[in-house]
Amino acid sequence: MNGGKKASAVGYNPADGVPRLLAKGRGPEAERILKIAREAGIEIIEDTALASLLDTGVNPGDWLPAWCWETVAKILAFVFEKERLYK
């Protein structure tokens, strides 16, 4: 039971202090999430392990659990630094 491609959309508001899962999906839903991100110019980072964990353990709208903060923090730091360099 593979489920196909998985995608998750994570948002972060510094006022909240914790990232939130905005969307997740498999197969066609994952492709739609990726298409929306590309069209909006949102950075896409591939992390299969994190996507699998979020797919099974977190629902859209939920705060991300502490077990994934370090990984998400590294991803956000990469994205923020890239945005800073290209502005």
C-alpha atoms as a PDB file:
ATOM      1  CA  MET A   1       0.000   0.000   0.000  1.00  0.00           C
ATOM      2  CA  ASN A   2       2.157   2.812  -1.334  1.00  0.00           C
ATOM      3  CA  GLY A   3      -0.327   5.677  -1.645  1.00  0.00           C
ATOM      4  CA  GLY A   4       1.796   7.397  -4.296  1.00  0.00           C
ATOM      5  CA  LYS A   5       3.455  10.783  -4.013  1.00  0.00           C
ATOM      6  CA  LYS A   6       2.867  12.687  -0.783  1.00  0.00           C
ATOM      7  CA  ALA A   7       2.999  16.434  -0.235  1.00  0.00           C
ATOM      8  CA  SER A   8       2.535  18.684   2.755  1.00  0.00           C
ATOM      9  CA  ALA A   9       2.280  22.453   3.027  1.00  0.00           C
ATOM     10  CA  VAL A  10       3.677  24.004   6.192  1.00  0.00           C
ATOM     11  CA  GLY A  11       3.156  27.594   7.287  1.00  0.00           C
ATOM     12  CA  TYR A  12       4.926  29.587   9.939  1.00  0.00           C
ATOM     13  CA  ASN A  13       3.884  32.794  11.638  1.00  0.00           C
ATOM     14  CA  PRO A  14       6.578  34.039  14.061  1.00  0.00           C
ATOM     15  CA  ALA A  15       3.842  35.339  16.382  1.00  0.00           C
ATOM     16  CA  ASP A  16       2.630  31.751  16.857  1.00  0.00           C
ATOM     17  CA  GLY A  17       6.092  30.342  17.504  1.00  0.00           C
ATOM     18  CA  VAL A  18       5.138  26.925  16.094  1.00  0.00           C
ATOM     19  CA  PRO A  19       4.654  25.912  12.454  1.00  0.00           C
ATOM     20  CA  ARG A  20       1.256  24.663  11.342  1.00  0.00           C
ATOM     21  CA  LEU A  21       0.318  22.038   8.770  1.00  0.00           C
ATOM     22  CA  LEU A  22      -1.690  23.885   6.129  1.00  0.00           C
ATOM     23  CA  ALA A  23      -2.420  21.008   3.754  1.00  0.00           C
ATOM     24  CA  LYS A  24      -1.429  17.460   2.972  1.00  0.00           C
ATOM     25  CA  GLY A  25      -2.311  14.966   0.297  1.00  0.00           C
ATOM     26  CA  ARG A  26      -1.394  11.873  -1.682  1.00  0.00           C
ATOM     27  CA  GLY A  27      -1.395  11.203  -5.398  1.00  0.00           C
ATOM     28  CA  PRO A  28      -3.554  13.771  -7.230  1.00  0.00           C
ATOM     29  CA  GLU A  29      -3.977  15.859  -4.060  1.00  0.00           C
ATOM     30  CA  ALA A  30      -0.190  15.972  -3.643  1.00  0.00           C
ATOM     31  CA  GLU A  31       0.217  17.053  -7.267  1.00  0.00           C
ATOM     32  CA  ARG A  32      -2.365  19.816  -6.705  1.00  0.00           C
ATOM     33  CA  ILE A  33      -0.511  21.066  -3.600  1.00  0.00           C
ATOM     34  CA  LEU A  34       2.751  21.138  -5.560  1.00  0.00           C
ATOM     35  CA  LYS A  35       1.122  22.893  -8.532  1.00  0.00           C
ATOM     36  CA  ILE A  36      -0.341  25.594  -6.285  1.00  0.00           C
ATOM     37  CA  ALA A  37       3.032  26.078  -4.592  1.00  0.00           C
ATOM     38  CA  ARG A  38       4.864  26.367  -7.919  1.00  0.00           C
ATOM     39  CA  GLU A  39       2.320  28.863  -9.284  1.00  0.00           C
ATOM     40  CA  ALA A  40       2.630  30.948  -6.116  1.00  0.00           C
ATOM     41  CA  GLY A  41       6.431  30.906  -6.237  1.00  0.00           C
ATOM     42  CA  ILE A  42       6.647  29.001  -2.957  1.00  0.00           C
ATOM     43  CA  GLU A  43       9.855  27.101  -2.291  1.00  0.00           C
ATOM     44  CA  ILE A  44       9.403  23.326  -2.534  1.00  0.00           C
ATOM     45  CA  ILE A  45      11.674  21.186  -0.387  1.00  0.00           C
ATOM     46  CA  GLU A  46      11.613  17.426  -0.810  1.00  0.00           C
ATOM     47  CA  ASP A  47      11.805  15.495   2.459  1.00  0.00           C
ATOM     48  CA  THR A  48      10.172  12.126   1.956  1.00  0.00           C
ATOM     49  CA  ALA A  49      10.563  11.034   5.572  1.00  0.00           C
ATOM     50  CA  LEU A  50       8.973  14.200   6.963  1.00  0.00           C
ATOM     51  CA  ALA A  51       6.150  14.070   4.405  1.00  0.00           C
ATOM     52  CA  SER A  52       5.403  10.475   5.434  1.00  0.00           C
ATOM     53  CA  LEU A  53       5.385  11.339   9.122  1.00  0.00           C
ATOM     54  CA  LEU A  54       3.134  14.356   8.611  1.00  0.00           C
ATOM     55  CA  ASP A  55       0.852  12.278   6.393  1.00  0.00           C
ATOM     56  CA  THR A  56       0.132   9.814   9.169  1.00  0.00           C
ATOM     57  CA  GLY A  57       0.472  11.875  12.327  1.00  0.00           C
ATOM     58  CA  VAL A  58      -0.798  15.407  11.738  1.00  0.00           C
ATOM     59  CA  ASN A  59      -4.004  16.900  10.326  1.00  0.00           C
ATOM     60  CA  PRO A  60      -4.295  20.155   8.363  1.00  0.00           C
ATOM     61  CA  GLY A  61      -4.755  23.039  10.770  1.00  0.00           C
ATOM     62  CA  ASP A  62      -2.784  21.309  13.543  1.00  0.00           C
ATOM     63  CA  TRP A  63       0.366  22.749  15.057  1.00  0.00           C
ATOM     64  CA  LEU A  64       3.328  20.605  14.144  1.00  0.00           C
ATOM     65  CA  PRO A  65       4.389  18.273  16.950  1.00  0.00           C
ATOM     66  CA  ALA A  66       7.678  18.803  18.768  1.00  0.00           C
ATOM     67  CA  TRP A  67       9.241  15.701  17.199  1.00  0.00           C
ATOM     68  CA  CYS A  68       9.504  17.442  13.828  1.00  0.00           C
ATOM     69  CA  TRP A  69      10.439  20.988  14.921  1.00  0.00           C
ATOM     70  CA  GLU A  70      14.157  20.547  14.332  1.00  0.00           C
ATOM     71  CA  THR A  71      13.680  19.305  10.777  1.00  0.00           C
ATOM     72  CA  VAL A  72      11.113  21.989   9.965  1.00  0.00           C
ATOM     73  CA  ALA A  73      13.335  24.673  11.531  1.00  0.00           C
ATOM     74  CA  LYS A  74      16.198  23.633   9.230  1.00  0.00           C
ATOM     75  CA  ILE A  75      13.904  23.762   6.203  1.00  0.00           C
ATOM     76  CA  LEU A  76      12.515  27.178   7.195  1.00  0.00           C
ATOM     77  CA  ALA A  77      16.029  28.530   7.834  1.00  0.00           C
ATOM     78  CA  PHE A  78      17.083  27.389   4.367  1.00  0.00           C
ATOM     79  CA  VAL A  79      14.042  28.989   2.741  1.00  0.00           C
ATOM     80  CA  PHE A  80      14.347  32.265   4.694  1.00  0.00           C
ATOM     81  CA  GLU A  81      18.068  32.533   3.863  1.00  0.00           C
ATOM     82  CA  LYS A  82      17.419  31.856   0.173  1.00  0.00           C
ATOM     83  CA  GLU A  83      14.680  34.513   0.133  1.00  0.00           C
ATOM     84  CA  ARG A  84      17.002  36.984   1.855  1.00  0.00           C
ATOM     85  CA  LEU A  85      19.775  36.382  -0.676  1.00  0.00           C
ATOM     86  CA  TYR A  86      17.527  36.823  -3.697  1.00  0.00           C
ATOM     87  CA  LYS A  87      15.649  39.960  -2.611  1.00  0.00           C
END
